[in-house]
């Protein structure tokens, strides 16, 4: 591989940036594009041709900034270090950016990809008491590997095409993820007749589907709260009683809970208000992660962050779990608190649910169990595809800059 190691300062002119006085109105709102790290972070794609703010010619002259030509590579050099783009038009930047003006020894698109590949090492150069920054002198001394210009252009063209293909694939995966999320809402609408089947006030009750009726939840399920045994007593922890807490709930949302991160024991239960709740208890998080819901797959206790219902003979627990999931936005609208949002117990005690007879509940629960399992499998597959695609650019760059193209 006929490549040479070259300091950036030998093949580029590296230019800093500056900011006009923000208090002088006539310096702002002009025609000169003035790029910041925020602009680079928000930019999609390889090229940049606009900025959130522009400056006037007078503003430009006042701050000693330097306009660089289209084709220059712009990098955020102050935390967050590493956002990159190629200038599609002449522009200047604030002091949080550095611009690389290529000489005739380096192709601008190849330089962009070379910097992108080297970014982990460039970030390691960052230092500063208030925020990390890479200096002009550090960048001038930083070495990259270069083939001849014709080979640079060939490699850059191939990488550009490959990166564009990856971008299209990622956009397609994101669109699939959006559609998968809509599937869940569609299943809930179908199952619950298009209404929100939970209300805390009579005024919030929708007209029920035929054969359904509104009932106070506490009349058909026993409400139980949770509690935390004293943390100052380690002998009350680590037993054989699973203890459901907020760190568990996001991964258990819509699922049957079999295991928890922490356990308590008989002493912990006996010396606190925590209670051992039976299998099939429905548990709704009412603080912090408001609205997430699971169903117990074995006897457990819960923290005070949950409200729990032991269903009677007229209410199927899986139906109730799905009903609460379908009503998540409504449940969250009932929460209040300046720091931590909470659904308070008087509100919970007022919950009314719209339900059909038990046979229809069980049919709906079976339908939703199957459909939402399929949706979850699809979503996980899409998430894995997105994850694979997110690392592909780095793989492509590593492949190229190890001489394998």
Protein backbone atom coordinates (compact mmCIF):
# COMPACT_ATOMS: atom_id res chain seq x y z
CA UNK A 1 0.00 0.00 0.00
CA UNK A 2 1.73 3.15 -1.27
CA UNK A 3 0.42 5.54 1.38
CA UNK A 4 2.41 8.09 3.38
CA UNK A 5 1.93 9.42 6.91
CA UNK A 6 1.56 13.20 6.75
CA UNK A 7 0.81 15.89 9.39
CA UNK A 8 -2.49 17.65 8.64
CA UNK A 9 -0.70 20.99 8.73
CA UNK A 10 1.36 19.96 5.69
CA UNK A 11 -1.66 19.30 3.46
CA UNK A 12 -4.28 21.69 4.89
CA UNK A 13 -4.56 25.20 6.17
CA UNK A 14 -6.25 24.93 9.56
CA UNK A 15 -8.40 27.92 10.52
CA UNK A 16 -10.08 28.74 13.82
CA UNK A 17 -13.23 30.77 14.37
CA UNK A 18 -14.65 33.63 16.42
CA UNK A 19 -17.89 35.27 17.45
CA UNK A 20 -19.07 38.84 16.84
CA UNK A 21 -20.27 40.77 19.89
CA UNK A 22 -23.70 39.30 20.63
CA UNK A 23 -24.89 42.63 22.01
CA UNK A 24 -24.41 44.51 18.74
CA UNK A 25 -27.56 43.97 16.74
CA UNK A 26 -26.11 45.14 13.43
CA UNK A 27 -23.57 42.30 13.49
CA UNK A 28 -26.33 39.69 13.20
CA UNK A 29 -28.93 38.64 10.66
CA UNK A 30 -26.79 39.09 7.57
CA UNK A 31 -25.89 36.80 4.68
CA UNK A 32 -22.67 35.19 5.93
CA UNK A 33 -23.11 31.64 7.19
CA UNK A 34 -21.70 31.26 10.71
CA UNK A 35 -21.46 27.62 11.78
CA UNK A 36 -21.32 26.37 15.38
CA UNK A 37 -20.85 22.88 16.86
CA UNK A 38 -24.63 22.81 17.36
CA UNK A 39 -25.15 23.34 13.62
CA UNK A 40 -22.74 20.51 12.87
CA UNK A 41 -24.44 18.22 15.37
CA UNK A 42 -27.84 18.85 13.82
CA UNK A 43 -26.58 18.54 10.26
CA UNK A 44 -27.63 15.43 8.40
CA UNK A 45 -25.35 14.09 5.73
CA UNK A 46 -21.83 14.94 4.67
CA UNK A 47 -22.30 18.53 3.44
CA UNK A 48 -23.39 21.69 5.24
CA UNK A 49 -24.78 24.79 3.51
CA UNK A 50 -26.66 26.65 6.25
CA UNK A 51 -26.52 27.66 9.89
CA UNK A 52 -28.98 28.64 12.60
CA UNK A 53 -27.55 32.17 12.74
CA UNK A 54 -25.87 34.36 10.13
CA UNK A 55 -23.71 37.42 10.51
CA UNK A 56 -23.32 40.65 8.55
CA UNK A 57 -20.20 41.78 6.73
CA UNK A 58 -19.62 44.28 9.54
CA UNK A 59 -19.98 41.53 12.14
CA UNK A 60 -17.58 39.35 10.19
CA UNK A 61 -14.97 42.10 10.02
CA UNK A 62 -15.41 43.00 13.70
CA UNK A 63 -14.40 39.62 15.08
CA UNK A 64 -11.47 38.73 12.83
CA UNK A 65 -13.08 35.53 11.62
CA UNK A 66 -11.89 33.97 8.38
CA UNK A 67 -14.20 32.94 5.59
CA UNK A 68 -13.19 29.59 4.14
CA UNK A 69 -14.14 28.31 0.68
CA UNK A 70 -16.59 25.60 -0.26
CA UNK A 71 -14.84 22.25 -0.04
CA UNK A 72 -13.28 23.00 3.34
CA UNK A 73 -13.91 20.41 6.06
CA UNK A 74 -15.47 21.83 9.24
CA UNK A 75 -15.05 20.08 12.61
CA UNK A 76 -16.33 20.84 16.09
CA UNK A 77 -13.08 21.07 18.06
CA UNK A 78 -14.64 22.00 21.41
CA UNK A 79 -16.89 19.63 23.34
CA UNK A 80 -18.61 17.84 21.80
CA UNK A 81 -15.49 17.16 19.72
CA UNK A 82 -15.90 15.43 16.41
CA UNK A 83 -18.94 16.60 14.45
CA UNK A 84 -17.84 16.90 10.82
CA UNK A 85 -19.14 18.31 7.54
CA UNK A 86 -17.84 19.61 4.23
CA UNK A 87 -18.70 23.23 3.48
CA UNK A 88 -20.92 23.38 0.42
CA UNK A 89 -20.63 27.19 0.36
CA UNK A 90 -18.16 29.76 1.69
CA UNK A 91 -18.62 30.11 5.45
CA UNK A 92 -17.07 31.04 8.78
CA UNK A 93 -17.50 29.53 12.25
CA UNK A 94 -17.42 30.34 15.93
CA UNK A 95 -14.44 29.47 18.11
CA UNK A 96 -15.80 25.99 18.83
CA UNK A 97 -14.90 24.84 15.30
CA UNK A 98 -11.81 24.36 13.19
CA UNK A 99 -11.80 24.44 9.39
CA UNK A 100 -9.47 22.40 7.20
CA UNK A 101 -8.80 24.12 3.85
CA UNK A 102 -7.34 21.39 1.63
CA UNK A 103 -4.26 21.95 -0.53
CA UNK A 104 -3.88 20.29 -3.92
CA UNK A 105 -2.34 17.31 -2.09
CA UNK A 106 -5.58 16.17 -0.51
CA UNK A 107 -9.11 15.62 -1.79
CA UNK A 108 -11.72 17.23 0.49
CA UNK A 109 -14.06 14.22 0.51
CA UNK A 110 -11.17 11.85 1.27
CA UNK A 111 -10.05 14.23 4.05
CA UNK A 112 -13.57 14.15 5.52
CA UNK A 113 -13.52 10.35 5.69
CA UNK A 114 -9.93 10.27 6.98
CA UNK A 115 -10.85 12.62 9.84
CA UNK A 116 -13.98 10.62 10.56
CA UNK A 117 -11.92 7.44 10.80
CA UNK A 118 -9.31 9.11 13.02
CA UNK A 119 -11.83 10.85 15.29
CA UNK A 120 -11.37 8.57 18.34
CA UNK A 121 -7.67 9.51 18.39
CA UNK A 122 -8.44 13.19 17.77
CA UNK A 123 -10.91 13.25 20.66
CA UNK A 124 -8.21 11.82 22.93
CA UNK A 125 -6.19 14.99 22.30
CA UNK A 126 -8.90 17.14 23.87
CA UNK A 127 -8.12 18.84 27.17
CA UNK A 128 -9.27 21.79 29.23
CA UNK A 129 -10.46 22.66 32.71
CA UNK A 130 -13.94 23.80 31.71
CA UNK A 131 -14.50 21.79 28.52
CA UNK A 132 -12.37 19.57 26.32
CA UNK A 133 -10.90 21.21 23.23
CA UNK A 134 -8.43 20.24 20.51
CA UNK A 135 -6.07 23.08 19.58
CA UNK A 136 -4.98 24.24 16.13
CA UNK A 137 -1.38 23.20 16.84
CA UNK A 138 -2.47 19.71 17.89
CA UNK A 139 -4.45 19.29 14.68
CA UNK A 140 -1.60 20.61 12.55
CA UNK A 141 0.70 17.98 14.05
CA UNK A 142 -1.82 15.15 13.81
CA UNK A 143 -0.81 12.63 11.14
CA UNK A 144 -3.08 10.92 8.63
CA UNK A 145 -2.30 8.37 5.92
CA UNK A 146 -2.57 9.56 2.33
CA UNK A 147 -2.26 7.80 -1.04
CA UNK A 148 -1.83 9.89 -4.18
CA UNK A 149 -4.68 12.26 -5.07
CA UNK A 150 -6.09 10.05 -7.85
CA UNK A 151 -6.35 7.14 -5.40
CA UNK A 152 -7.88 9.45 -2.77
CA UNK A 153 -10.63 10.42 -5.21
CA UNK A 154 -11.29 6.78 -6.14
CA UNK A 155 -11.53 5.71 -2.49
CA UNK A 156 -13.66 8.71 -1.51
CA UNK A 157 -16.12 8.04 -4.34
CA UNK A 158 -16.54 4.41 -3.27
CA UNK A 159 -16.95 5.37 0.40
CA UNK A 160 -19.46 8.06 -0.50
CA UNK A 161 -21.56 5.54 -2.41
CA UNK A 162 -21.35 2.98 0.40
CA UNK A 163 -22.22 5.53 3.08
CA UNK A 164 -25.20 6.72 1.05
CA UNK A 165 -26.43 3.13 0.83
CA UNK A 166 -26.03 2.73 4.60
CA UNK A 167 -27.95 5.97 5.12
CA UNK A 168 -30.83 4.76 3.00
CA UNK A 169 -30.89 1.44 4.85
CA UNK A 170 -30.93 3.22 8.23
CA UNK A 171 -33.76 5.49 7.09
CA UNK A 172 -35.70 2.43 5.96
CA UNK A 173 -35.11 0.73 9.32
CA UNK A 174 -36.28 3.85 11.18
CA UNK A 175 -39.42 3.94 9.04
CA UNK A 176 -40.03 0.28 9.84
CA UNK A 177 -39.61 1.04 13.54
CA UNK A 178 -42.18 3.83 13.30
CA UNK A 179 -44.63 1.52 11.57
CA UNK A 180 -44.04 -1.19 14.19
CA UNK A 181 -44.85 1.31 16.95
CA UNK A 182 -48.05 2.23 15.16
CA UNK A 183 -49.02 -1.44 15.04
CA UNK A 184 -49.28 -1.56 18.83
CA UNK A 185 -51.60 1.46 18.90
CA UNK A 186 -53.69 -0.06 16.12
CA UNK A 187 -54.09 -3.33 18.05
CA UNK A 188 -55.18 -1.46 21.17
CA UNK A 189 -57.70 0.60 19.18
CA UNK A 190 -59.11 -2.57 17.66
CA UNK A 191 -59.29 -4.38 20.98
CA UNK A 192 -60.88 -1.53 22.95
CA UNK A 193 -63.28 -0.19 20.34
CA UNK A 194 -61.28 2.99 19.72
CA UNK A 195 -61.81 4.42 23.23
CA UNK A 196 -59.53 5.05 26.20
CA UNK A 197 -60.90 2.36 28.54
CA UNK A 198 -59.79 4.04 31.78
CA UNK A 199 -61.13 7.12 33.54
CA UNK A 200 -60.60 8.81 36.90
CA UNK A 201 -63.53 11.19 36.39
CA UNK A 202 -66.98 10.50 34.99
CA UNK A 203 -66.40 13.36 32.55
CA UNK A 204 -63.50 11.39 31.05
CA UNK A 205 -65.61 8.33 30.28
CA UNK A 206 -66.14 7.63 26.58
CA UNK A 207 -69.29 6.06 25.23
CA UNK A 208 -68.70 2.32 25.76
CA UNK A 209 -68.80 -0.17 22.88
CA UNK A 210 -71.92 -2.33 22.68
CA UNK A 211 -72.00 -4.87 25.51
CA UNK A 212 -69.35 -3.06 27.55
CA UNK A 213 -69.88 -1.00 30.71
CA UNK A 214 -67.96 1.27 33.04
CA UNK A 215 -67.16 -0.05 36.52
CA UNK A 216 -65.09 1.19 39.44
CA UNK A 217 -61.88 -0.81 39.30
CA UNK A 218 -61.81 -1.22 43.07
CA UNK A 219 -65.15 -3.06 42.92
CA UNK A 220 -63.76 -5.87 40.75
CA UNK A 221 -60.11 -5.96 41.88
CA UNK A 222 -58.43 -5.58 45.27
CA UNK A 223 -56.08 -2.60 45.34
CA UNK A 224 -52.72 -3.19 47.04
CA UNK A 225 -49.82 -0.80 47.55
CA UNK A 226 -46.15 -1.64 47.93
CA UNK A 227 -43.39 -0.81 50.38
CA UNK A 228 -39.60 -0.95 50.80
CA UNK A 229 -38.13 -2.82 53.79
CA UNK A 230 -35.53 -0.79 55.65
CA UNK A 231 -32.24 -0.47 53.77
CA UNK A 232 -30.46 -0.21 57.12
CA UNK A 233 -31.26 -3.87 57.75
CA UNK A 234 -29.24 -5.98 55.29
CA UNK A 235 -30.64 -9.10 56.97
CA UNK A 236 -34.04 -8.20 55.49
CA UNK A 237 -32.66 -8.38 51.96
CA UNK A 238 -31.38 -11.13 49.67
CA UNK A 239 -33.97 -13.76 50.52
CA UNK A 240 -36.31 -15.81 48.34
CA UNK A 241 -39.09 -13.21 47.89
CA UNK A 242 -38.79 -11.29 44.58
CA UNK A 243 -39.22 -7.54 45.09
CA UNK A 244 -40.42 -5.55 42.06
CA UNK A 245 -38.91 -2.06 41.83
CA UNK A 246 -38.58 0.73 39.26
CA UNK A 247 -35.28 -0.55 37.80
CA UNK A 248 -37.16 -3.71 36.75
CA UNK A 249 -40.22 -2.25 35.13
CA UNK A 250 -39.02 -0.92 31.77
CA UNK A 251 -37.80 -4.36 30.74
CA UNK A 252 -40.97 -6.00 32.07
CA UNK A 253 -43.50 -3.63 30.54
CA UNK A 254 -46.33 -5.69 29.03
CA UNK A 255 -44.68 -8.95 30.11
CA UNK A 256 -45.00 -11.50 32.90
CA UNK A 257 -42.52 -10.82 35.70
CA UNK A 258 -40.67 -13.93 36.84
CA UNK A 259 -37.45 -12.46 38.26
CA UNK A 260 -36.44 -9.16 39.85
CA UNK A 261 -33.08 -7.46 40.45
CA UNK A 262 -33.55 -7.54 44.23
CA UNK A 263 -35.19 -9.89 46.68
CA UNK A 264 -36.40 -9.56 50.25
CA UNK A 265 -37.38 -12.26 52.78
CA UNK A 266 -39.99 -13.15 55.37
CA UNK A 267 -38.36 -10.85 57.94
CA UNK A 268 -38.42 -7.96 55.47
CA UNK A 269 -42.13 -8.51 54.87
CA UNK A 270 -42.93 -8.95 58.57
CA UNK A 271 -41.16 -5.73 59.54
CA UNK A 272 -42.54 -3.45 56.84
CA UNK A 273 -45.75 -2.65 55.03
CA UNK A 274 -44.61 -4.73 52.04
CA UNK A 275 -47.00 -7.55 51.24
CA UNK A 276 -46.57 -10.81 49.37
CA UNK A 277 -48.86 -10.48 46.36
CA UNK A 278 -50.18 -13.52 44.51
CA UNK A 279 -49.36 -14.65 40.98
CA UNK A 280 -51.32 -12.73 38.29
CA UNK A 281 -51.36 -9.49 40.30
CA UNK A 282 -51.29 -6.55 37.88
CA UNK A 283 -48.68 -3.91 38.82
CA UNK A 284 -48.68 -0.34 37.49
CA UNK A 285 -45.77 2.05 38.07
CA UNK A 286 -47.12 5.33 39.42
CA UNK A 287 -43.89 7.32 39.97
CA UNK A 288 -40.92 8.20 37.72
CA UNK A 289 -41.65 5.57 35.03
CA UNK A 290 -45.36 6.37 35.17
CA UNK A 291 -47.60 4.03 33.21
CA UNK A 292 -45.45 0.95 32.74
CA UNK A 293 -47.26 -2.22 33.71
CA UNK A 294 -46.47 -5.88 34.32
CA UNK A 295 -48.21 -8.95 35.66
CA UNK A 296 -46.66 -11.13 38.36
CA UNK A 297 -45.68 -14.61 37.21
CA UNK A 298 -45.11 -15.76 40.80
CA UNK A 299 -45.78 -14.38 44.30
CA UNK A 300 -43.82 -11.16 44.85
CA UNK A 301 -43.69 -7.94 46.82
CA UNK A 302 -43.35 -4.51 45.22
CA UNK A 303 -41.96 -1.11 46.13
CA UNK A 304 -44.23 1.83 46.94
CA UNK A 305 -43.70 3.03 43.36
CA UNK A 306 -46.41 0.60 42.24
CA UNK A 307 -50.12 0.24 42.63
CA UNK A 308 -51.25 -3.35 42.34
CA UNK A 309 -54.54 -5.08 41.65
CA UNK A 310 -55.52 -8.63 42.56
CA UNK A 311 -58.30 -9.34 40.10
CA UNK A 312 -61.61 -10.83 41.16
CA UNK A 313 -63.68 -13.34 39.14
CA UNK A 314 -65.16 -10.63 36.89
CA UNK A 315 -61.82 -9.26 35.68
CA UNK A 316 -59.12 -11.07 33.69
CA UNK A 317 -55.64 -9.93 34.82
CA UNK A 318 -54.14 -10.01 31.31
CA UNK A 319 -57.07 -7.97 30.03
CA UNK A 320 -56.44 -5.41 32.80
CA UNK A 321 -52.72 -5.25 31.99
CA UNK A 322 -53.47 -4.50 28.34
CA UNK A 323 -56.21 -2.03 29.32
CA UNK A 324 -53.71 -0.08 31.41
CA UNK A 325 -51.12 -0.15 28.59
CA UNK A 326 -53.73 1.11 26.13
CA UNK A 327 -54.47 3.96 28.56
CA UNK A 328 -50.83 4.91 29.26
CA UNK A 329 -51.05 8.45 27.92
CA UNK A 330 -54.15 9.05 30.02
CA UNK A 331 -52.50 7.63 33.15
CA UNK A 332 -49.53 9.94 32.62
CA UNK A 333 -51.85 12.90 32.23
CA UNK A 334 -53.07 12.21 35.77
CA UNK A 335 -49.59 12.49 37.29
CA UNK A 336 -48.37 15.62 39.05
CA UNK A 337 -45.35 16.90 40.95
CA UNK A 338 -42.66 19.53 40.45
CA UNK A 339 -39.69 17.14 40.54
CA UNK A 340 -41.00 13.58 40.25
CA UNK A 341 -44.32 12.96 38.52
CA UNK A 342 -46.63 10.75 40.57
CA UNK A 343 -50.15 9.42 40.27
CA UNK A 344 -51.44 9.80 43.82
CA UNK A 345 -53.54 7.18 45.62
CA UNK A 346 -56.83 9.17 45.72
CA UNK A 347 -56.67 9.32 41.92
CA UNK A 348 -55.90 5.60 41.68
CA UNK A 349 -58.83 4.76 43.95
CA UNK A 350 -61.11 6.67 41.58
CA UNK A 351 -60.09 4.58 38.54
CA UNK A 352 -63.00 3.31 36.46
CA UNK A 353 -62.55 0.77 33.65
CA UNK A 354 -64.68 0.00 30.62
CA UNK A 355 -65.02 -3.77 30.26
CA UNK A 356 -67.07 -6.47 28.53
CA UNK A 357 -68.01 -9.80 30.18
CA UNK A 358 -65.24 -12.12 31.36
CA UNK A 359 -65.40 -14.37 28.30
CA UNK A 360 -64.89 -11.43 25.93
CA UNK A 361 -62.09 -10.12 28.16
CA UNK A 362 -60.28 -13.42 27.85
CA UNK A 363 -60.75 -13.47 24.07
CA UNK A 364 -59.33 -9.93 23.79
CA UNK A 365 -56.43 -10.76 26.10
CA UNK A 366 -55.55 -13.82 23.99
CA UNK A 367 -55.72 -11.72 20.81
CA UNK A 368 -53.49 -9.00 22.27
CA UNK A 369 -51.01 -11.47 23.77
CA UNK A 370 -50.43 -12.98 20.33
CA UNK A 371 -50.42 -9.74 18.33
CA UNK A 372 -48.19 -7.82 20.73
CA UNK A 373 -45.75 -10.73 20.93
CA UNK A 374 -45.44 -10.63 17.14
CA UNK A 375 -45.02 -6.84 17.28
CA UNK A 376 -42.31 -7.18 19.93
CA UNK A 377 -40.44 -9.75 17.83
CA UNK A 378 -40.65 -7.45 14.82
CA UNK A 379 -39.49 -4.44 16.83
CA UNK A 380 -36.51 -6.33 18.26
CA UNK A 381 -35.52 -7.44 14.78
CA UNK A 382 -35.72 -3.85 13.55
CA UNK A 383 -33.74 -2.60 16.56
CA UNK A 384 -31.03 -5.18 15.85
CA UNK A 385 -30.91 -4.15 12.20
CA UNK A 386 -30.60 -0.49 13.21
CA UNK A 387 -27.84 -1.36 15.68
CA UNK A 388 -25.93 -3.30 13.02
CA UNK A 389 -26.31 -0.45 10.56
CA UNK A 390 -25.13 2.12 13.11
CA UNK A 391 -21.72 0.45 13.40
CA UNK A 392 -21.35 -0.23 9.68
CA UNK A 393 -19.81 3.20 8.79
CA UNK A 394 -16.98 2.62 11.27
CA UNK A 395 -16.45 -0.86 9.86
CA UNK A 396 -16.27 0.52 6.32
CA UNK A 397 -13.78 3.21 7.34
CA UNK A 398 -11.61 0.72 9.20
CA UNK A 399 -11.68 -1.54 6.14
CA UNK A 400 -10.60 1.29 3.83
CA UNK A 401 -7.90 2.81 6.01
CA UNK A 402 -6.29 -0.55 6.66
CA UNK A 403 -5.69 -0.74 2.91
CA UNK A 404 -8.39 -3.28 2.05
CA UNK A 405 -10.20 -1.37 -0.69
